[in-house]
Amino acid sequence: MQKKQSASSTWILILIGSLGGLIGYQYYLKKQYRKRFEAIIHPATPILASGTTAEKSDSAAEENKMQEQQWLPVEVVNQLLEKLAQFELNKGFLEKTISIQKVALQLNTNTKYLSKVINEQKGKMFVHYINELRINEAVVQLQAQSILRNYTMPYLANEFGFNSAEAFSTAFFKKYKIKPTFFIKALEKEN
């Protein structure tokens, strides 16, 4: 009888310890999410309405990057960067069926040049470049338009150019390390 009571006491202690650990971990996660939310809302480098981040341009570093592209003339790189800036301002990245082929056609260039410029000048692959622009736009619009916070994830995903709510959520989490649902709820609490 005493063995049974000792075994049940052990299980109860294990259960209480596990539950305490789970609660502690959830508290830790919520605290981390809150810090990340604050970093999004009050960034060191502000997110502009066009979806890009404001960066101080270092002309010497840019010149070095351009010189590294020996096979691609500097004029071509500069033209493509100007066209990409216009593409960003026009929010062409919000089109759901966007592809590097479509963008290259719109910018009157080929996919090889476009890919090279995005990889070297933007520091990312085409898909990551587009997703980052979309996520930045989502953050800006969710802050600016409180009505958007009432919509479902599939609607928001569609609104910001993603094919599914999962793709939107994954891209959002990849960039900011929090889920968009947490971001929206935290925005609502802020207001």
C-alpha atoms as a PDB file:
ATOM      1  CA  MET A   1       0.000   0.000   0.000  1.00  0.00           C
ATOM      2  CA  GLN A   2       2.807   2.370   0.856  1.00  0.00           C
ATOM      3  CA  LYS A   3       4.547   1.552  -2.469  1.00  0.00           C
ATOM      4  CA  LYS A   4       1.394   2.528  -4.369  1.00  0.00           C
ATOM      5  CA  GLN A   5       1.109   5.800  -2.489  1.00  0.00           C
ATOM      6  CA  SER A   6       4.804   6.555  -3.087  1.00  0.00           C
ATOM      7  CA  ALA A   7       4.457   5.822  -6.816  1.00  0.00           C
ATOM      8  CA  SER A   8       1.397   8.069  -7.150  1.00  0.00           C
ATOM      9  CA  SER A   9       3.166  10.841  -5.221  1.00  0.00           C
ATOM     10  CA  THR A  10       6.094  10.575  -7.635  1.00  0.00           C
ATOM     11  CA  TRP A  11       3.780  10.813 -10.665  1.00  0.00           C
ATOM     12  CA  ILE A  12       1.994  13.798  -9.180  1.00  0.00           C
ATOM     13  CA  LEU A  13       5.320  15.550  -8.577  1.00  0.00           C
ATOM     14  CA  ILE A  14       6.452  14.791 -12.149  1.00  0.00           C
ATOM     15  CA  LEU A  15       3.149  16.076 -13.508  1.00  0.00           C
ATOM     16  CA  ILE A  16       3.337  19.276 -11.442  1.00  0.00           C
ATOM     17  CA  GLY A  17       6.981  19.802 -12.475  1.00  0.00           C
ATOM     18  CA  SER A  18       6.146  19.268 -16.147  1.00  0.00           C
ATOM     19  CA  LEU A  19       3.173  21.606 -15.944  1.00  0.00           C
ATOM     20  CA  GLY A  20       5.316  24.251 -14.234  1.00  0.00           C
ATOM     21  CA  GLY A  21       7.987  23.869 -16.911  1.00  0.00           C
ATOM     22  CA  LEU A  22       5.397  24.218 -19.668  1.00  0.00           C
ATOM     23  CA  ILE A  23       3.917  27.351 -18.100  1.00  0.00           C
ATOM     24  CA  GLY A  24       7.399  28.819 -17.656  1.00  0.00           C
ATOM     25  CA  TYR A  25       8.275  28.076 -21.272  1.00  0.00           C
ATOM     26  CA  GLN A  26       5.027  29.668 -22.513  1.00  0.00           C
ATOM     27  CA  TYR A  27       5.786  32.770 -20.421  1.00  0.00           C
ATOM     28  CA  TYR A  28       9.311  32.913 -21.872  1.00  0.00           C
ATOM     29  CA  LEU A  29       7.968  32.588 -25.444  1.00  0.00           C
ATOM     30  CA  LYS A  30       5.387  35.316 -24.899  1.00  0.00           C
ATOM     31  CA  LYS A  31       8.085  37.598 -23.515  1.00  0.00           C
ATOM     32  CA  GLN A  32      10.300  36.913 -26.554  1.00  0.00           C
ATOM     33  CA  TYR A  33       7.400  37.539 -28.945  1.00  0.00           C
ATOM     34  CA  ARG A  34       6.676  40.824 -27.179  1.00  0.00           C
ATOM     35  CA  LYS A  35      10.304  41.956 -27.597  1.00  0.00           C
ATOM     36  CA  ARG A  36      10.178  41.051 -31.277  1.00  0.00           C
ATOM     37  CA  PHE A  37       6.863  42.884 -31.676  1.00  0.00           C
ATOM     38  CA  GLU A  38       8.392  45.997 -30.113  1.00  0.00           C
ATOM     39  CA  ALA A  39      11.346  45.722 -32.515  1.00  0.00           C
ATOM     40  CA  ILE A  40       8.919  45.668 -35.461  1.00  0.00           C
ATOM     41  CA  ILE A  41       6.857  48.604 -34.188  1.00  0.00           C
ATOM     42  CA  HIS A  42       9.888  50.694 -33.199  1.00  0.00           C
ATOM     43  CA  PRO A  43      12.627  49.568 -35.603  1.00  0.00           C
ATOM     44  CA  ALA A  44      16.134  50.999 -35.568  1.00  0.00           C
ATOM     45  CA  THR A  45      15.808  51.153 -39.366  1.00  0.00           C
ATOM     46  CA  PRO A  46      12.266  52.292 -40.217  1.00  0.00           C
ATOM     47  CA  ILE A  47      10.096  50.382 -42.658  1.00  0.00           C
ATOM     48  CA  LEU A  48       8.888  52.718 -45.378  1.00  0.00           C
ATOM     49  CA  ALA A  49       5.418  52.625 -46.905  1.00  0.00           C
ATOM     50  CA  SER A  50       6.867  51.156 -50.102  1.00  0.00           C
ATOM     51  CA  GLY A  51       7.874  48.082 -48.103  1.00  0.00           C
ATOM     52  CA  THR A  52      11.607  48.735 -48.199  1.00  0.00           C
ATOM     53  CA  THR A  53      13.791  49.659 -45.273  1.00  0.00           C
ATOM     54  CA  ALA A  54      15.486  53.016 -45.065  1.00  0.00           C
ATOM     55  CA  GLU A  55      19.211  52.475 -45.236  1.00  0.00           C
ATOM     56  CA  LYS A  56      22.122  54.833 -45.164  1.00  0.00           C
ATOM     57  CA  SER A  57      23.838  54.439 -48.502  1.00  0.00           C
ATOM     58  CA  ASP A  58      27.554  53.961 -48.392  1.00  0.00           C
ATOM     59  CA  SER A  59      28.677  54.888 -51.898  1.00  0.00           C
ATOM     60  CA  ALA A  60      32.121  53.318 -51.486  1.00  0.00           C
ATOM     61  CA  ALA A  61      30.601  49.965 -50.524  1.00  0.00           C
ATOM     62  CA  GLU A  62      28.108  50.174 -53.398  1.00  0.00           C
ATOM     63  CA  GLU A  63      30.931  51.001 -55.812  1.00  0.00           C
ATOM     64  CA  ASN A  64      32.881  47.959 -54.595  1.00  0.00           C
ATOM     65  CA  LYS A  65      29.830  45.721 -55.103  1.00  0.00           C
ATOM     66  CA  MET A  66      29.423  47.018 -58.631  1.00  0.00           C
ATOM     67  CA  GLN A  67      33.086  46.492 -59.445  1.00  0.00           C
ATOM     68  CA  GLU A  68      32.766  42.886 -58.264  1.00  0.00           C
ATOM     69  CA  GLN A  69      30.230  42.320 -61.052  1.00  0.00           C
ATOM     70  CA  GLN A  70      32.876  42.353 -63.754  1.00  0.00           C
ATOM     71  CA  TRP A  71      30.719  40.635 -66.340  1.00  0.00           C
ATOM     72  CA  LEU A  72      27.797  43.055 -65.866  1.00  0.00           C
ATOM     73  CA  PRO A  73      28.361  46.720 -66.839  1.00  0.00           C
ATOM     74  CA  VAL A  74      27.849  49.284 -64.081  1.00  0.00           C
ATOM     75  CA  GLU A  75      25.322  51.161 -66.254  1.00  0.00           C
ATOM     76  CA  VAL A  76      23.173  48.037 -66.563  1.00  0.00           C
ATOM     77  CA  VAL A  77      23.299  47.470 -62.809  1.00  0.00           C
ATOM     78  CA  ASN A  78      22.328  51.093 -62.120  1.00  0.00           C
ATOM     79  CA  GLN A  79      19.456  50.939 -64.617  1.00  0.00           C
ATOM     80  CA  LEU A  80      18.141  47.728 -63.103  1.00  0.00           C
ATOM     81  CA  LEU A  81      18.380  49.159 -59.587  1.00  0.00           C
ATOM     82  CA  GLU A  82      16.392  52.215 -60.691  1.00  0.00           C
ATOM     83  CA  LYS A  83      13.783  49.992 -62.339  1.00  0.00           C
ATOM     84  CA  LEU A  84      13.591  47.803 -59.210  1.00  0.00           C
ATOM     85  CA  ALA A  85      13.074  50.917 -57.086  1.00  0.00           C
ATOM     86  CA  GLN A  86      10.179  51.900 -59.364  1.00  0.00           C
ATOM     87  CA  PHE A  87       8.830  48.322 -59.194  1.00  0.00           C
ATOM     88  CA  GLU A  88       8.868  48.588 -55.382  1.00  0.00           C
ATOM     89  CA  LEU A  89       7.153  51.996 -55.408  1.00  0.00           C
ATOM     90  CA  ASN A  90       4.430  50.654 -57.721  1.00  0.00           C
ATOM     91  CA  LYS A  91       4.041  47.649 -55.393  1.00  0.00           C
ATOM     92  CA  GLY A  92       4.407  45.183 -58.251  1.00  0.00           C
ATOM     93  CA  PHE A  93       5.488  42.593 -55.686  1.00  0.00           C
ATOM     94  CA  LEU A  94       1.875  42.273 -54.479  1.00  0.00           C
ATOM     95  CA  GLU A  95       0.845  40.414 -57.633  1.00  0.00           C
ATOM     96  CA  LYS A  96       0.143  36.802 -56.650  1.00  0.00           C
ATOM     97  CA  THR A  97       1.468  35.232 -59.844  1.00  0.00           C
ATOM     98  CA  ILE A  98       4.727  37.181 -59.903  1.00  0.00           C
ATOM     99  CA  SER A  99       7.790  35.384 -61.199  1.00  0.00           C
ATOM    100  CA  ILE A 100      11.301  36.387 -62.100  1.00  0.00           C
ATOM    101  CA  GLN A 101      10.344  35.952 -65.762  1.00  0.00           C
ATOM    102  CA  LYS A 102       7.441  38.414 -65.445  1.00  0.00           C
ATOM    103  CA  VAL A 103       9.537  40.978 -63.581  1.00  0.00           C
ATOM    104  CA  ALA A 104      12.390  40.658 -66.077  1.00  0.00           C
ATOM    105  CA  LEU A 105       9.909  41.230 -68.909  1.00  0.00           C
ATOM    106  CA  GLN A 106       8.436  44.281 -67.129  1.00  0.00           C
ATOM    107  CA  LEU A 107      11.923  45.717 -66.568  1.00  0.00           C
ATOM    108  CA  ASN A 108      13.080  44.994 -70.142  1.00  0.00           C
ATOM    109  CA  THR A 109      15.921  42.736 -69.093  1.00  0.00           C
ATOM    110  CA  ASN A 110      16.622  39.029 -68.876  1.00  0.00           C
ATOM    111  CA  THR A 111      16.254  36.750 -65.876  1.00  0.00           C
ATOM    112  CA  LYS A 112      20.004  36.150 -65.571  1.00  0.00           C
ATOM    113  CA  TYR A 113      20.808  39.861 -65.190  1.00  0.00           C
ATOM    114  CA  LEU A 114      17.873  40.461 -62.869  1.00  0.00           C
ATOM    115  CA  SER A 115      18.771  37.511 -60.673  1.00  0.00           C
ATOM    116  CA  LYS A 116      22.411  38.584 -60.498  1.00  0.00           C
ATOM    117  CA  VAL A 117      21.527  42.169 -59.521  1.00  0.00           C
ATOM    118  CA  ILE A 118      19.015  41.065 -56.862  1.00  0.00           C
ATOM    119  CA  ASN A 119      21.443  38.493 -55.448  1.00  0.00           C
ATOM    120  CA  GLU A 120      24.382  40.868 -55.266  1.00  0.00           C
ATOM    121  CA  GLN A 121      22.748  44.243 -54.641  1.00  0.00           C
ATOM    122  CA  LYS A 122      19.822  43.186 -52.457  1.00  0.00           C
ATOM    123  CA  GLY A 123      21.699  40.314 -50.842  1.00  0.00           C
ATOM    124  CA  LYS A 124      18.992  37.699 -51.377  1.00  0.00           C
ATOM    125  CA  MET A 125      17.404  35.413 -53.908  1.00  0.00           C
ATOM    126  CA  PHE A 126      14.426  36.637 -55.943  1.00  0.00           C
ATOM    127  CA  VAL A 127      11.804  34.738 -53.906  1.00  0.00           C
ATOM    128  CA  HIS A 128      13.181  36.033 -50.601  1.00  0.00           C
ATOM    129  CA  TYR A 129      13.364  39.561 -52.021  1.00  0.00           C
ATOM    130  CA  ILE A 130       9.685  39.444 -53.063  1.00  0.00           C
ATOM    131  CA  ASN A 131       8.553  37.847 -49.788  1.00  0.00           C
ATOM    132  CA  GLU A 132      10.425  40.437 -47.734  1.00  0.00           C
ATOM    133  CA  LEU A 133       8.796  43.272 -49.694  1.00  0.00           C
ATOM    134  CA  ARG A 134       5.383  41.668 -49.137  1.00  0.00           C
ATOM    135  CA  ILE A 135       5.933  41.174 -45.411  1.00  0.00           C
ATOM    136  CA  ASN A 136       7.199  44.742 -44.997  1.00  0.00           C
ATOM    137  CA  GLU A 137       4.095  45.985 -46.809  1.00  0.00           C
ATOM    138  CA  ALA A 138       1.883  43.833 -44.566  1.00  0.00           C
ATOM    139  CA  VAL A 139       3.475  45.319 -41.438  1.00  0.00           C
ATOM    140  CA  VAL A 140       3.046  48.872 -42.720  1.00  0.00           C
ATOM    141  CA  GLN A 141      -0.574  48.334 -43.794  1.00  0.00           C
ATOM    142  CA  LEU A 142      -1.575  46.448 -40.647  1.00  0.00           C
ATOM    143  CA  GLN A 143      -0.266  49.341 -38.567  1.00  0.00           C
ATOM    144  CA  ALA A 144      -1.871  51.997 -40.772  1.00  0.00           C
ATOM    145  CA  GLN A 145      -5.259  50.375 -41.427  1.00  0.00           C
ATOM    146  CA  SER A 146      -6.830  48.916 -38.305  1.00  0.00           C
ATOM    147  CA  ILE A 147      -9.699  47.461 -40.402  1.00  0.00           C
ATOM    148  CA  LEU A 148      -7.244  44.939 -41.913  1.00  0.00           C
ATOM    149  CA  ARG A 149      -6.691  43.436 -38.467  1.00  0.00           C
ATOM    150  CA  ASN A 150     -10.272  42.138 -38.525  1.00  0.00           C
ATOM    151  CA  TYR A 151      -9.752  39.998 -41.613  1.00  0.00           C
ATOM    152  CA  THR A 152      -8.816  36.336 -41.735  1.00  0.00           C
ATOM    153  CA  MET A 153      -5.322  35.067 -42.463  1.00  0.00           C
ATOM    154  CA  PRO A 154      -6.339  33.720 -45.909  1.00  0.00           C
ATOM    155  CA  TYR A 155      -7.710  37.153 -46.821  1.00  0.00           C
ATOM    156  CA  LEU A 156      -4.560  38.918 -45.603  1.00  0.00           C
ATOM    157  CA  ALA A 157      -2.353  36.419 -47.415  1.00  0.00           C
ATOM    158  CA  ASN A 158      -4.221  37.117 -50.636  1.00  0.00           C
ATOM    159  CA  GLU A 159      -4.133  40.884 -50.014  1.00  0.00           C
ATOM    160  CA  PHE A 160      -0.345  40.838 -49.704  1.00  0.00           C
ATOM    161  CA  GLY A 161       0.327  38.558 -52.672  1.00  0.00           C
ATOM    162  CA  PHE A 162       0.712  35.163 -51.014  1.00  0.00           C
ATOM    163  CA  ASN A 163      -0.957  32.025 -52.356  1.00  0.00           C
ATOM    164  CA  SER A 164      -1.977  30.744 -48.934  1.00  0.00           C
ATOM    165  CA  ALA A 165      -2.260  31.700 -45.284  1.00  0.00           C
ATOM    166  CA  GLU A 166       0.489  29.172 -44.501  1.00  0.00           C
ATOM    167  CA  ALA A 167       2.895  30.814 -46.958  1.00  0.00           C
ATOM    168  CA  PHE A 168       2.116  34.232 -45.450  1.00  0.00           C
ATOM    169  CA  SER A 169       2.554  32.997 -41.889  1.00  0.00           C
ATOM    170  CA  THR A 170       5.796  31.170 -42.726  1.00  0.00           C
ATOM    171  CA  ALA A 171       7.306  34.197 -44.480  1.00  0.00           C
ATOM    172  CA  PHE A 172       6.225  36.499 -41.636  1.00  0.00           C
ATOM    173  CA  PHE A 173       7.733  34.177 -39.022  1.00  0.00           C
ATOM    174  CA  LYS A 174      10.922  33.766 -41.046  1.00  0.00           C
ATOM    175  CA  LYS A 175      11.460  37.531 -41.132  1.00  0.00           C
ATOM    176  CA  TYR A 176      10.301  38.585 -37.657  1.00  0.00           C
ATOM    177  CA  LYS A 177      10.326  35.352 -35.599  1.00  0.00           C
ATOM    178  CA  ILE A 178       6.729  35.884 -34.484  1.00  0.00           C
ATOM    179  CA  LYS A 179       3.453  34.724 -35.961  1.00  0.00           C
ATOM    180  CA  PRO A 180       1.293  37.272 -37.787  1.00  0.00           C
ATOM    181  CA  THR A 181      -1.638  36.420 -35.517  1.00  0.00           C
ATOM    182  CA  PHE A 182       0.420  37.445 -32.473  1.00  0.00           C
ATOM    183  CA  PHE A 183       1.501  40.631 -34.254  1.00  0.00           C
ATOM    184  CA  ILE A 184      -2.118  41.552 -35.055  1.00  0.00           C
ATOM    185  CA  LYS A 185      -3.339  40.829 -31.513  1.00  0.00           C
ATOM    186  CA  ALA A 186      -0.476  42.863 -30.055  1.00  0.00           C
ATOM    187  CA  LEU A 187      -1.288  45.736 -32.430  1.00  0.00           C
ATOM    188  CA  GLU A 188      -4.883  45.671 -31.236  1.00  0.00           C
ATOM    189  CA  LYS A 189      -3.760  45.819 -27.608  1.00  0.00           C
ATOM    190  CA  GLU A 190      -1.476  48.771 -28.429  1.00  0.00           C
ATOM    191  CA  ASN A 191      -4.438  50.748 -29.761  1.00  0.00           C
END
